[in-house]
């Protein structure tokens, strides 16, 4: 079966199961879903942090790590990677490793607030293959247990400010959500992200939230979660299909997506 045939089969299978392609979350973000999200929704993504599966069934964390879920498949020449030579597969792995090393997420907030006080939280990300990345505020760095921050008492006040690669504000994705439904989301898509691993050029983005602190005194954790792709940062990670356009070599669920958590910041509410 050729790589084009495999790609077409994946698409036809998705359609047969009732998945509209425009609503897919890989690698084009969530164009048809403007709502809060948590990392459990991205089961096809790999993790760079073993602690993101702490307490899971034995062996689960190892299976989900980048080296095992994604890079080992490339090196073995499975699926679409079989169309590459061994040298090309190692080159692709090198590009992906460089992209991962350059992809970061940092959460910035003053770690104290009065009950009910409105504070500013800024999340900066780098890297990511794009063209869309996802950024969210959650309550813990865990793939299975993290919740949107509303679950622990925080309230998003107003629309988050989304700054793309050019540091110009983006509102298109947020404004697909009706204004009367409120756009105070703890999860956003950032469009137009570009990284080129061969050239050593990396994407960036920033999201600024206003949060109302919980009303009950205590210490409340804040964590940023970063969803990004990897293969589109390498020319070897893209298949140019004459019908379907640019497709990921690893396919819809090939493990090339990533989930990365920031450090945990405990905000003391007194």
Protein backbone atom coordinates (compact mmCIF):
# COMPACT_ATOMS: atom_id res chain seq x y z
CA UNK A 1 0.00 0.00 0.00
CA UNK A 2 1.45 3.40 -0.99
CA UNK A 3 1.65 6.26 1.48
CA UNK A 4 -1.04 8.11 -0.48
CA UNK A 5 -3.33 5.10 -0.27
CA UNK A 6 -2.76 4.85 3.48
CA UNK A 7 -3.56 8.54 3.92
CA UNK A 8 -6.75 8.22 1.88
CA UNK A 9 -7.76 5.14 3.85
CA UNK A 10 -7.34 7.03 7.13
CA UNK A 11 -9.49 9.89 5.88
CA UNK A 12 -12.20 7.57 4.51
CA UNK A 13 -12.20 5.67 7.79
CA UNK A 14 -12.67 8.88 9.74
CA UNK A 15 -15.55 9.90 7.53
CA UNK A 16 -17.15 6.47 7.88
CA UNK A 17 -17.00 6.84 11.66
CA UNK A 18 -18.64 10.22 11.48
CA UNK A 19 -15.60 12.42 12.14
CA UNK A 20 -15.75 15.57 9.99
CA UNK A 21 -12.24 16.43 8.85
CA UNK A 22 -12.63 20.13 9.59
CA UNK A 23 -13.35 19.31 13.22
CA UNK A 24 -10.23 17.24 13.67
CA UNK A 25 -7.86 18.20 16.44
CA UNK A 26 -4.70 16.95 14.71
CA UNK A 27 -2.76 18.95 13.64
CA UNK A 28 -5.15 21.83 12.97
CA UNK A 29 -6.26 22.59 16.51
CA UNK A 30 -9.96 22.58 17.36
CA UNK A 31 -11.50 24.81 14.67
CA UNK A 32 -15.07 23.75 15.46
CA UNK A 33 -14.79 23.55 19.25
CA UNK A 34 -14.47 26.76 21.26
CA UNK A 35 -14.68 25.57 24.85
CA UNK A 36 -12.55 24.67 27.87
CA UNK A 37 -10.36 21.60 27.54
CA UNK A 38 -7.98 19.42 29.53
CA UNK A 39 -5.12 17.17 28.33
CA UNK A 40 -7.05 13.89 28.49
CA UNK A 41 -8.71 14.90 25.20
CA UNK A 42 -5.43 14.41 23.29
CA UNK A 43 -4.84 10.70 23.76
CA UNK A 44 -2.87 10.42 20.51
CA UNK A 45 -0.24 12.92 21.74
CA UNK A 46 3.06 11.86 23.28
CA UNK A 47 4.39 13.18 26.60
CA UNK A 48 7.83 14.60 27.31
CA UNK A 49 7.35 14.31 31.08
CA UNK A 50 7.00 10.95 32.80
CA UNK A 51 5.35 12.51 35.86
CA UNK A 52 2.36 13.42 33.68
CA UNK A 53 1.21 9.81 34.19
CA UNK A 54 2.10 9.43 37.87
CA UNK A 55 -0.08 6.83 39.55
CA UNK A 56 -1.17 5.31 36.23
CA UNK A 57 -1.15 1.60 35.48
CA UNK A 58 2.33 0.04 35.36
CA UNK A 59 4.02 0.73 32.04
CA UNK A 60 1.55 3.41 30.96
CA UNK A 61 3.99 6.33 31.33
CA UNK A 62 6.71 4.56 29.36
CA UNK A 63 4.32 3.83 26.49
CA UNK A 64 3.28 7.47 26.29
CA UNK A 65 6.76 9.02 26.31
CA UNK A 66 8.06 10.60 23.09
CA UNK A 67 10.95 8.15 22.71
CA UNK A 68 8.68 5.09 22.77
CA UNK A 69 5.40 6.35 21.30
CA UNK A 70 6.88 8.36 18.44
CA UNK A 71 10.64 8.18 17.82
CA UNK A 72 10.90 4.39 18.15
CA UNK A 73 8.19 4.02 15.50
CA UNK A 74 10.13 6.26 13.12
CA UNK A 75 13.39 4.37 13.67
CA UNK A 76 11.61 1.06 13.08
CA UNK A 77 10.29 2.30 9.74
CA UNK A 78 6.70 1.46 10.57
CA UNK A 79 3.72 2.95 8.76
CA UNK A 80 4.51 5.95 6.60
CA UNK A 81 8.09 6.03 7.88
CA UNK A 82 8.86 2.90 5.85
CA UNK A 83 9.06 5.10 2.74
CA UNK A 84 12.17 6.79 4.18
CA UNK A 85 15.68 5.39 4.15
CA UNK A 86 17.36 4.63 7.48
CA UNK A 87 19.44 7.81 7.07
CA UNK A 88 16.33 9.89 6.39
CA UNK A 89 14.57 8.43 9.43
CA UNK A 90 17.52 9.42 11.65
CA UNK A 91 17.49 12.89 10.11
CA UNK A 92 13.78 13.20 10.87
CA UNK A 93 14.38 12.05 14.45
CA UNK A 94 17.11 14.69 14.77
CA UNK A 95 14.79 17.42 13.53
CA UNK A 96 12.07 16.36 15.96
CA UNK A 97 14.47 16.21 18.89
CA UNK A 98 15.69 19.72 18.09
CA UNK A 99 12.08 20.94 17.90
CA UNK A 100 11.25 19.35 21.26
CA UNK A 101 14.34 20.89 22.87
CA UNK A 102 13.25 24.32 21.63
CA UNK A 103 9.60 23.91 22.68
CA UNK A 104 8.89 25.37 26.10
CA UNK A 105 5.99 26.63 28.19
CA UNK A 106 6.32 29.12 31.02
CA UNK A 107 3.59 30.40 33.33
CA UNK A 108 4.08 33.75 35.05
CA UNK A 109 1.92 34.97 37.94
CA UNK A 110 2.44 36.73 41.27
CA UNK A 111 1.90 33.84 43.70
CA UNK A 112 -0.45 35.65 46.09
CA UNK A 113 -3.90 37.15 45.91
CA UNK A 114 -6.77 38.27 48.12
CA UNK A 115 -9.99 36.24 48.02
CA UNK A 116 -11.91 37.27 44.92
CA UNK A 117 -9.10 39.48 43.63
CA UNK A 118 -8.52 39.68 39.86
CA UNK A 119 -4.94 38.78 38.91
CA UNK A 120 -3.03 38.51 35.63
CA UNK A 121 -1.58 35.23 34.37
CA UNK A 122 0.75 35.16 31.36
CA UNK A 123 1.79 32.02 29.48
CA UNK A 124 4.66 32.13 26.99
CA UNK A 125 5.38 29.24 24.64
CA UNK A 126 8.15 28.60 22.13
CA UNK A 127 8.66 26.03 19.38
CA UNK A 128 5.83 23.84 18.22
CA UNK A 129 5.43 22.84 14.60
CA UNK A 130 1.97 24.31 14.23
CA UNK A 131 0.21 25.45 12.23
CA UNK A 132 -2.01 25.58 15.35
CA UNK A 133 -1.04 25.05 18.98
CA UNK A 134 -3.24 24.82 22.06
CA UNK A 135 -2.62 26.48 25.41
CA UNK A 136 -4.67 26.00 28.56
CA UNK A 137 -4.68 26.69 32.28
CA UNK A 138 -5.25 23.56 34.37
CA UNK A 139 -5.00 22.55 38.00
CA UNK A 140 -2.26 19.92 37.86
CA UNK A 141 0.42 18.56 35.48
CA UNK A 142 -1.27 15.25 34.77
CA UNK A 143 -2.60 13.78 31.53
CA UNK A 144 -5.49 11.92 33.16
CA UNK A 145 -6.36 14.05 36.20
CA UNK A 146 -5.91 17.68 35.11
CA UNK A 147 -9.03 19.82 35.07
CA UNK A 148 -9.71 23.28 33.65
CA UNK A 149 -8.93 25.76 36.42
CA UNK A 150 -12.60 26.53 37.06
CA UNK A 151 -12.74 23.14 38.78
CA UNK A 152 -10.51 24.40 41.59
CA UNK A 153 -12.25 27.72 42.10
CA UNK A 154 -10.59 30.11 39.65
CA UNK A 155 -12.78 32.16 37.31
CA UNK A 156 -11.60 33.49 33.97
CA UNK A 157 -12.60 37.15 33.66
CA UNK A 158 -13.28 38.27 30.11
CA UNK A 159 -11.59 37.07 26.94
CA UNK A 160 -7.97 35.94 27.13
CA UNK A 161 -5.58 37.95 24.97
CA UNK A 162 -3.95 35.70 22.36
CA UNK A 163 -0.74 36.89 20.68
CA UNK A 164 0.53 34.82 17.76
CA UNK A 165 3.95 34.34 16.23
CA UNK A 166 4.01 37.94 14.99
CA UNK A 167 2.80 39.07 18.44
CA UNK A 168 -0.35 40.49 16.90
CA UNK A 169 -3.59 39.75 18.71
CA UNK A 170 -5.76 36.92 17.39
CA UNK A 171 -9.53 36.92 17.96
CA UNK A 172 -10.88 34.82 15.08
CA UNK A 173 -10.94 31.48 16.92
CA UNK A 174 -12.38 32.93 20.14
CA UNK A 175 -15.06 34.85 18.28
CA UNK A 176 -16.46 31.69 16.71
CA UNK A 177 -17.97 31.23 20.18
CA UNK A 178 -21.15 33.37 20.48
CA UNK A 179 -20.70 36.45 22.64
CA UNK A 180 -23.76 35.59 24.71
CA UNK A 181 -22.13 32.25 25.61
CA UNK A 182 -19.23 34.25 27.13
CA UNK A 183 -15.70 33.90 25.81
CA UNK A 184 -13.90 33.61 29.13
CA UNK A 185 -12.20 30.34 28.13
CA UNK A 186 -9.27 28.72 29.92
CA UNK A 187 -8.21 26.99 26.65
CA UNK A 188 -7.30 28.68 23.37
CA UNK A 189 -5.99 27.90 19.91
CA UNK A 190 -3.10 29.95 18.52
CA UNK A 191 -2.84 29.96 14.74
CA UNK A 192 0.02 30.61 12.33
CA UNK A 193 2.76 28.96 14.40
CA UNK A 194 5.81 28.02 12.30
CA UNK A 195 9.02 26.25 13.23
CA UNK A 196 11.79 25.06 10.91
CA UNK A 197 14.05 22.53 12.62
CA UNK A 198 16.52 22.37 9.74
CA UNK A 199 17.03 26.15 9.90
CA UNK A 200 16.85 26.36 13.69
CA UNK A 201 13.89 28.75 13.57
CA UNK A 202 11.22 28.40 16.23
CA UNK A 203 7.69 29.57 16.81
CA UNK A 204 6.44 31.59 19.77
CA UNK A 205 3.16 32.79 21.23
CA UNK A 206 1.75 34.37 24.37
CA UNK A 207 -1.62 34.23 26.10
CA UNK A 208 -2.71 36.59 28.89
CA UNK A 209 -5.58 35.73 31.20
CA UNK A 210 -7.36 37.70 33.90
CA UNK A 211 -8.41 35.37 36.72
CA UNK A 212 -10.61 35.97 39.74
CA UNK A 213 -9.14 34.19 42.74
CA UNK A 214 -11.19 31.69 44.76
CA UNK A 215 -13.11 33.19 47.67
CA UNK A 216 -11.95 30.62 50.22
CA UNK A 217 -8.42 31.16 51.61
CA UNK A 218 -5.89 28.48 50.71
CA UNK A 219 -3.15 27.64 48.23
CA UNK A 220 -4.40 27.03 44.71
CA UNK A 221 -2.19 25.53 41.98
CA UNK A 222 -1.94 26.92 38.47
CA UNK A 223 -0.35 25.02 35.57
CA UNK A 224 -0.11 25.79 31.87
CA UNK A 225 -0.62 22.94 29.40
CA UNK A 226 0.84 23.18 25.90
CA UNK A 227 -0.42 21.13 22.94
CA UNK A 228 1.85 21.21 19.88
CA UNK A 229 2.88 19.18 16.84
CA UNK A 230 6.36 18.15 15.77
CA UNK A 231 6.57 16.60 12.29
CA UNK A 232 5.63 19.70 10.29
CA UNK A 233 8.86 21.32 11.50
CA UNK A 234 10.75 18.94 9.19
CA UNK A 235 10.43 18.51 5.41
CA UNK A 236 10.75 14.77 6.02
CA UNK A 237 7.69 14.80 8.28
CA UNK A 238 5.30 15.97 5.58
CA UNK A 239 3.64 14.02 2.79
CA UNK A 240 2.51 16.13 -0.19
CA UNK A 241 -0.63 14.30 -1.26
CA UNK A 242 -2.14 15.48 -4.59
CA UNK A 243 -5.67 15.10 -3.26
CA UNK A 244 -5.41 15.67 0.49
CA UNK A 245 -2.65 18.27 0.52
CA UNK A 246 0.08 18.34 3.18
CA UNK A 247 -0.33 15.35 5.49
CA UNK A 248 1.70 14.23 8.48
CA UNK A 249 3.93 11.28 7.71
CA UNK A 250 2.96 9.62 10.98
CA UNK A 251 -0.73 9.89 10.24
CA UNK A 252 -3.68 11.06 12.32
CA UNK A 253 -2.70 9.18 15.47
CA UNK A 254 1.03 8.68 14.95
CA UNK A 255 2.17 10.11 18.27
CA UNK A 256 3.82 13.19 16.76
CA UNK A 257 1.69 15.57 18.82
CA UNK A 258 2.94 16.65 22.24
CA UNK A 259 1.57 17.59 25.65
CA UNK A 260 3.94 19.66 27.80
CA UNK A 261 3.23 21.12 31.24
CA UNK A 262 4.73 24.18 32.87
CA UNK A 263 6.00 24.21 36.43
CA UNK A 264 3.27 24.31 39.08
CA UNK A 265 2.77 27.67 40.79
CA UNK A 266 0.87 27.61 44.05
CA UNK A 267 -0.97 30.91 44.51
CA UNK A 268 -1.64 31.74 48.16
CA UNK A 269 -5.09 33.26 48.60
CA UNK A 270 -5.23 35.13 51.92
